[in-house]
PDB file of N, CA and C in Angstrom:
ATOM      1  N   MET A   1      24.821  67.136  -1.480  1.00  0.00           N
ATOM      2  CA  MET A   1      25.874  66.193  -1.825  1.00  0.00           C
ATOM      3  C   MET A   1      25.672  64.869  -1.094  1.00  0.00           C
ATOM      4  N   THR A   2      25.206  64.900   0.119  1.00  0.00           N
ATOM      5  CA  THR A   2      25.006  63.680   0.893  1.00  0.00           C
ATOM      6  C   THR A   2      23.941  62.797   0.246  1.00  0.00           C
ATOM      7  N   LYS A   3      22.890  63.413  -0.277  1.00  0.00           N
ATOM      8  CA  LYS A   3      21.829  62.653  -0.926  1.00  0.00           C
ATOM      9  C   LYS A   3      22.361  61.950  -2.175  1.00  0.00           C
ATOM     10  N   GLN A   4      23.184  62.630  -2.939  1.00  0.00           N
ATOM     11  CA  GLN A   4      23.774  62.031  -4.137  1.00  0.00           C
ATOM     12  C   GLN A   4      24.722  60.899  -3.764  1.00  0.00           C
ATOM     13  N   LEU A   5      25.457  61.070  -2.681  1.00  0.00           N
ATOM     14  CA  LEU A   5      26.390  60.036  -2.232  1.00  0.00           C
ATOM     15  C   LEU A   5      25.630  58.783  -1.790  1.00  0.00           C
ATOM     16  N   LYS A   6      24.516  58.971  -1.087  1.00  0.00           N
ATOM     17  CA  LYS A   6      23.694  57.838  -0.665  1.00  0.00           C
ATOM     18  C   LYS A   6      23.128  57.103  -1.882  1.00  0.00           C
ATOM     19  N   LYS A   7      22.671  57.870  -2.865  1.00  0.00           N
ATOM     20  CA  LYS A   7      22.113  57.272  -4.079  1.00  0.00           C
ATOM     21  C   LYS A   7      23.188  56.480  -4.826  1.00  0.00           C
ATOM     22  N   LEU A   8      24.389  57.038  -4.909  1.00  0.00           N
ATOM     23  CA  LEU A   8      25.495  56.356  -5.571  1.00  0.00           C
ATOM     24  C   LEU A   8      25.858  55.070  -4.833  1.00  0.00           C
ATOM     25  N   PHE A   9      25.939  55.146  -3.510  1.00  0.00           N
ATOM     26  CA  PHE A   9      26.266  53.962  -2.711  1.00  0.00           C
ATOM     27  C   PHE A   9      25.199  52.884  -2.895  1.00  0.00           C
ATOM     28  N   PHE A  10      23.933  53.277  -2.863  1.00  0.00           N
ATOM     29  CA  PHE A  10      22.840  52.325  -3.043  1.00  0.00           C
ATOM     30  C   PHE A  10      22.908  51.667  -4.417  1.00  0.00           C
ATOM     31  N   THR A  11      23.177  52.449  -5.442  1.00  0.00           N
ATOM     32  CA  THR A  11      23.276  51.917  -6.801  1.00  0.00           C
ATOM     33  C   THR A  11      24.424  50.923  -6.925  1.00  0.00           C
ATOM     34  N   ILE A  12      25.564  51.257  -6.361  1.00  0.00           N
ATOM     35  CA  ILE A  12      26.719  50.350  -6.407  1.00  0.00           C
ATOM     36  C   ILE A  12      26.428  49.073  -5.625  1.00  0.00           C
ATOM     37  N   ALA A  13      25.818  49.211  -4.446  1.00  0.00           N
ATOM     38  CA  ALA A  13      25.488  48.036  -3.635  1.00  0.00           C
ATOM     39  C   ALA A  13      24.495  47.137  -4.361  1.00  0.00           C
ATOM     40  N   LEU A  14      23.492  47.727  -4.972  1.00  0.00           N
ATOM     41  CA  LEU A  14      22.491  46.948  -5.705  1.00  0.00           C
ATOM     42  C   LEU A  14      23.117  46.232  -6.895  1.00  0.00           C
ATOM     43  N   ALA A  15      23.960  46.929  -7.633  1.00  0.00           N
ATOM     44  CA  ALA A  15      24.632  46.317  -8.780  1.00  0.00           C
ATOM     45  C   ALA A  15      25.528  45.167  -8.336  1.00  0.00           C
ATOM     46  N   THR A  16      26.196  45.340  -7.209  1.00  0.00           N
ATOM     47  CA  THR A  16      27.065  44.283  -6.682  1.00  0.00           C
ATOM     48  C   THR A  16      26.250  43.046  -6.315  1.00  0.00           C
ATOM     49  N   MET A  17      25.086  43.247  -5.712  1.00  0.00           N
ATOM     50  CA  MET A  17      24.243  42.111  -5.332  1.00  0.00           C
ATOM     51  C   MET A  17      23.674  41.403  -6.558  1.00  0.00           C
ATOM     52  N   LEU A  18      23.314  42.162  -7.580  1.00  0.00           N
ATOM     53  CA  LEU A  18      22.723  41.559  -8.774  1.00  0.00           C
ATOM     54  C   LEU A  18      23.733  40.758  -9.577  1.00  0.00           C
ATOM     55  N   VAL A  19      24.993  41.110  -9.497  1.00  0.00           N
ATOM     56  CA  VAL A  19      26.028  40.366 -10.214  1.00  0.00           C
ATOM     57  C   VAL A  19      26.088  38.937  -9.689  1.00  0.00           C
ATOM     58  N   GLY A  20      25.854  38.745  -8.402  1.00  0.00           N
ATOM     59  CA  GLY A  20      25.860  37.412  -7.814  1.00  0.00           C
ATOM     60  C   GLY A  20      24.724  36.545  -8.322  1.00  0.00           C
ATOM     61  N   CYS A  21      23.666  37.146  -8.824  1.00  0.00           N
ATOM     62  CA  CYS A  21      22.519  36.389  -9.326  1.00  0.00           C
ATOM     63  C   CYS A  21      22.776  35.811 -10.712  1.00  0.00           C
ATOM     64  N   ALA A  22      23.679  36.396 -11.442  1.00  0.00           N
ATOM     65  CA  ALA A  22      23.972  35.912 -12.789  1.00  0.00           C
ATOM     66  C   ALA A  22      24.748  34.606 -12.691  1.00  0.00           C
ATOM     67  N   SER A  23      24.337  33.637 -13.469  1.00  0.00           N
ATOM     68  CA  SER A  23      25.033  32.354 -13.443  1.00  0.00           C
ATOM     69  C   SER A  23      25.284  31.883 -14.874  1.00  0.00           C
ATOM     70  N   ALA A  24      26.257  31.032 -15.000  1.00  0.00           N
ATOM     71  CA  ALA A  24      26.593  30.484 -16.310  1.00  0.00           C
ATOM     72  C   ALA A  24      25.524  29.474 -16.720  1.00  0.00           C
ATOM     73  N   ASN A  25      25.316  29.330 -18.001  1.00  0.00           N
ATOM     74  CA  ASN A  25      24.367  28.367 -18.521  1.00  0.00           C
ATOM     75  C   ASN A  25      25.028  26.988 -18.502  1.00  0.00           C
ATOM     76  N   ASN A  26      24.667  26.188 -17.514  1.00  0.00           N
ATOM     77  CA  ASN A  26      25.251  24.854 -17.387  1.00  0.00           C
ATOM     78  C   ASN A  26      24.424  23.860 -18.187  1.00  0.00           C
ATOM     79  N   LYS A  27      25.068  23.165 -19.109  1.00  0.00           N
ATOM     80  CA  LYS A  27      24.374  22.174 -19.919  1.00  0.00           C
ATOM     81  C   LYS A  27      24.288  20.878 -19.127  1.00  0.00           C
ATOM     82  N   ASP A  28      23.106  20.307 -19.097  1.00  0.00           N
ATOM     83  CA  ASP A  28      22.882  19.051 -18.398  1.00  0.00           C
ATOM     84  C   ASP A  28      23.340  17.904 -19.294  1.00  0.00           C
ATOM     85  N   PRO A  29      24.347  17.131 -18.879  1.00  0.00           N
ATOM     86  CA  PRO A  29      24.829  16.042 -19.727  1.00  0.00           C
ATOM     87  C   PRO A  29      23.807  14.912 -19.890  1.00  0.00           C
ATOM     88  N   LEU A  30      22.835  14.839 -19.002  1.00  0.00           N
ATOM     89  CA  LEU A  30      21.825  13.780 -19.079  1.00  0.00           C
ATOM     90  C   LEU A  30      20.487  14.294 -19.610  1.00  0.00           C
ATOM     91  N   GLU A  31      20.497  15.445 -20.260  1.00  0.00           N
ATOM     92  CA  GLU A  31      19.250  16.051 -20.721  1.00  0.00           C
ATOM     93  C   GLU A  31      18.495  15.130 -21.673  1.00  0.00           C
ATOM     94  N   GLY A  32      19.189  14.494 -22.591  1.00  0.00           N
ATOM     95  CA  GLY A  32      18.526  13.600 -23.543  1.00  0.00           C
ATOM     96  C   GLY A  32      17.837  12.434 -22.854  1.00  0.00           C
ATOM     97  N   ILE A  33      18.513  11.842 -21.899  1.00  0.00           N
ATOM     98  CA  ILE A  33      17.933  10.725 -21.144  1.00  0.00           C
ATOM     99  C   ILE A  33      16.731  11.203 -20.340  1.00  0.00           C
ATOM    100  N   ASN A  34      16.882  12.355 -19.687  1.00  0.00           N
ATOM    101  CA  ASN A  34      15.790  12.898 -18.879  1.00  0.00           C
ATOM    102  C   ASN A  34      14.562  13.190 -19.724  1.00  0.00           C
ATOM    103  N   ARG A  35      14.776  13.722 -20.924  1.00  0.00           N
ATOM    104  CA  ARG A  35      13.637  14.009 -21.803  1.00  0.00           C
ATOM    105  C   ARG A  35      12.936  12.720 -22.234  1.00  0.00           C
ATOM    106  N   GLY A  36      13.719  11.687 -22.518  1.00  0.00           N
ATOM    107  CA  GLY A  36      13.130  10.403 -22.897  1.00  0.00           C
ATOM    108  C   GLY A  36      12.318   9.792 -21.768  1.00  0.00           C
ATOM    109  N   ILE A  37      12.854   9.833 -20.567  1.00  0.00           N
ATOM    110  CA  ILE A  37      12.142   9.295 -19.405  1.00  0.00           C
ATOM    111  C   ILE A  37      10.875  10.096 -19.144  1.00  0.00           C
ATOM    112  N   TYR A  38      10.972  11.421 -19.265  1.00  0.00           N
ATOM    113  CA  TYR A  38       9.791  12.266 -19.065  1.00  0.00           C
ATOM    114  C   TYR A  38       8.705  11.923 -20.080  1.00  0.00           C
ATOM    115  N   LYS A  39       9.104  11.758 -21.336  1.00  0.00           N
ATOM    116  CA  LYS A  39       8.127  11.443 -22.385  1.00  0.00           C
ATOM    117  C   LYS A  39       7.461  10.096 -22.108  1.00  0.00           C
ATOM    118  N   PHE A  40       8.261   9.095 -21.721  1.00  0.00           N
ATOM    119  CA  PHE A  40       7.707   7.780 -21.391  1.00  0.00           C
ATOM    120  C   PHE A  40       6.719   7.891 -20.235  1.00  0.00           C
ATOM    121  N   ASN A  41       7.126   8.594 -19.174  1.00  0.00           N
ATOM    122  CA  ASN A  41       6.254   8.742 -18.007  1.00  0.00           C
ATOM    123  C   ASN A  41       4.968   9.479 -18.354  1.00  0.00           C
ATOM    124  N   ASP A  42       5.059  10.488 -19.206  1.00  0.00           N
ATOM    125  CA  ASP A  42       3.880  11.252 -19.600  1.00  0.00           C
ATOM    126  C   ASP A  42       2.905  10.377 -20.381  1.00  0.00           C
ATOM    127  N   VAL A  43       3.437   9.597 -21.328  1.00  0.00           N
ATOM    128  CA  VAL A  43       2.587   8.708 -22.125  1.00  0.00           C
ATOM    129  C   VAL A  43       1.975   7.628 -21.233  1.00  0.00           C
ATOM    130  N   ALA A  44       2.774   7.046 -20.348  1.00  0.00           N
ATOM    131  CA  ALA A  44       2.266   6.006 -19.448  1.00  0.00           C
ATOM    132  C   ALA A  44       1.193   6.568 -18.520  1.00  0.00           C
ATOM    133  N   ASP A  45       1.403   7.777 -18.039  1.00  0.00           N
ATOM    134  CA  ASP A  45       0.428   8.380 -17.133  1.00  0.00           C
ATOM    135  C   ASP A  45      -0.893   8.645 -17.840  1.00  0.00           C
ATOM    136  N   ARG A  46      -0.817   9.210 -19.036  1.00  0.00           N
ATOM    137  CA  ARG A  46      -2.048   9.541 -19.760  1.00  0.00           C
ATOM    138  C   ARG A  46      -2.753   8.301 -20.302  1.00  0.00           C
ATOM    139  N   GLY A  47      -1.977   7.317 -20.751  1.00  0.00           N
ATOM    140  CA  GLY A  47      -2.572   6.164 -21.419  1.00  0.00           C
ATOM    141  C   GLY A  47      -2.927   5.010 -20.514  1.00  0.00           C
ATOM    142  N   LEU A  48      -2.280   4.879 -19.369  1.00  0.00           N
ATOM    143  CA  LEU A  48      -2.510   3.711 -18.524  1.00  0.00           C
ATOM    144  C   LEU A  48      -2.886   4.080 -17.095  1.00  0.00           C
ATOM    145  N   ILE A  49      -2.060   4.859 -16.464  1.00  0.00           N
ATOM    146  CA  ILE A  49      -2.237   5.105 -15.030  1.00  0.00           C
ATOM    147  C   ILE A  49      -3.483   5.943 -14.743  1.00  0.00           C
ATOM    148  N   LYS A  50      -3.702   7.004 -15.499  1.00  0.00           N
ATOM    149  CA  LYS A  50      -4.861   7.861 -15.248  1.00  0.00           C
ATOM    150  C   LYS A  50      -6.179   7.128 -15.505  1.00  0.00           C
ATOM    151  N   PRO A  51      -6.317   6.388 -16.617  1.00  0.00           N
ATOM    152  CA  PRO A  51      -7.572   5.642 -16.812  1.00  0.00           C
ATOM    153  C   PRO A  51      -7.822   4.605 -15.710  1.00  0.00           C
ATOM    154  N   VAL A  52      -6.770   3.929 -15.275  1.00  0.00           N
ATOM    155  CA  VAL A  52      -6.932   2.946 -14.197  1.00  0.00           C
ATOM    156  C   VAL A  52      -7.352   3.647 -12.910  1.00  0.00           C
ATOM    157  N   ALA A  53      -6.736   4.771 -12.600  1.00  0.00           N
ATOM    158  CA  ALA A  53      -7.079   5.512 -11.387  1.00  0.00           C
ATOM    159  C   ALA A  53      -8.508   6.044 -11.458  1.00  0.00           C
ATOM    160  N   THR A  54      -8.905   6.507 -12.630  1.00  0.00           N
ATOM    161  CA  THR A  54     -10.271   7.014 -12.799  1.00  0.00           C
ATOM    162  C   THR A  54     -11.282   5.887 -12.629  1.00  0.00           C
ATOM    163  N   ALA A  55     -11.001   4.728 -13.222  1.00  0.00           N
ATOM    164  CA  ALA A  55     -11.896   3.576 -13.076  1.00  0.00           C
ATOM    165  C   ALA A  55     -11.966   3.134 -11.620  1.00  0.00           C
ATOM    166  N   TYR A  56     -10.853   3.114 -10.942  1.00  0.00           N
ATOM    167  CA  TYR A  56     -10.821   2.721  -9.530  1.00  0.00           C
ATOM    168  C   TYR A  56     -11.654   3.689  -8.696  1.00  0.00           C
ATOM    169  N   LYS A  57     -11.516   4.974  -8.990  1.00  0.00           N
ATOM    170  CA  LYS A  57     -12.264   5.979  -8.240  1.00  0.00           C
ATOM    171  C   LYS A  57     -13.764   5.827  -8.487  1.00  0.00           C
ATOM    172  N   THR A  58     -14.135   5.476  -9.719  1.00  0.00           N
ATOM    173  CA  THR A  58     -15.542   5.288 -10.054  1.00  0.00           C
ATOM    174  C   THR A  58     -16.115   4.070  -9.334  1.00  0.00           C
ATOM    175  N   VAL A  59     -15.338   2.999  -9.268  1.00  0.00           N
ATOM    176  CA  VAL A  59     -15.797   1.752  -8.656  1.00  0.00           C
ATOM    177  C   VAL A  59     -15.902   1.882  -7.139  1.00  0.00           C
ATOM    178  N   THR A  60     -14.981   2.603  -6.541  1.00  0.00           N
ATOM    179  CA  THR A  60     -14.985   2.660  -5.068  1.00  0.00           C
ATOM    180  C   THR A  60     -15.750   3.805  -4.511  1.00  0.00           C
TER     181      THR A  60
END
């Protein structure tokens, strides 16, 4: 009986801890702006900054 009681206590304790890990899905109100900025930065990095950095590295 003691072994079953320990197993039950462990299961309840584990379930209690896991409940704290669950969180609500919070929508980011600035998600659209963030995606636009990310896209701009990605295009600028690939099209301008990386070629300039590569050329600089080659020259120096």
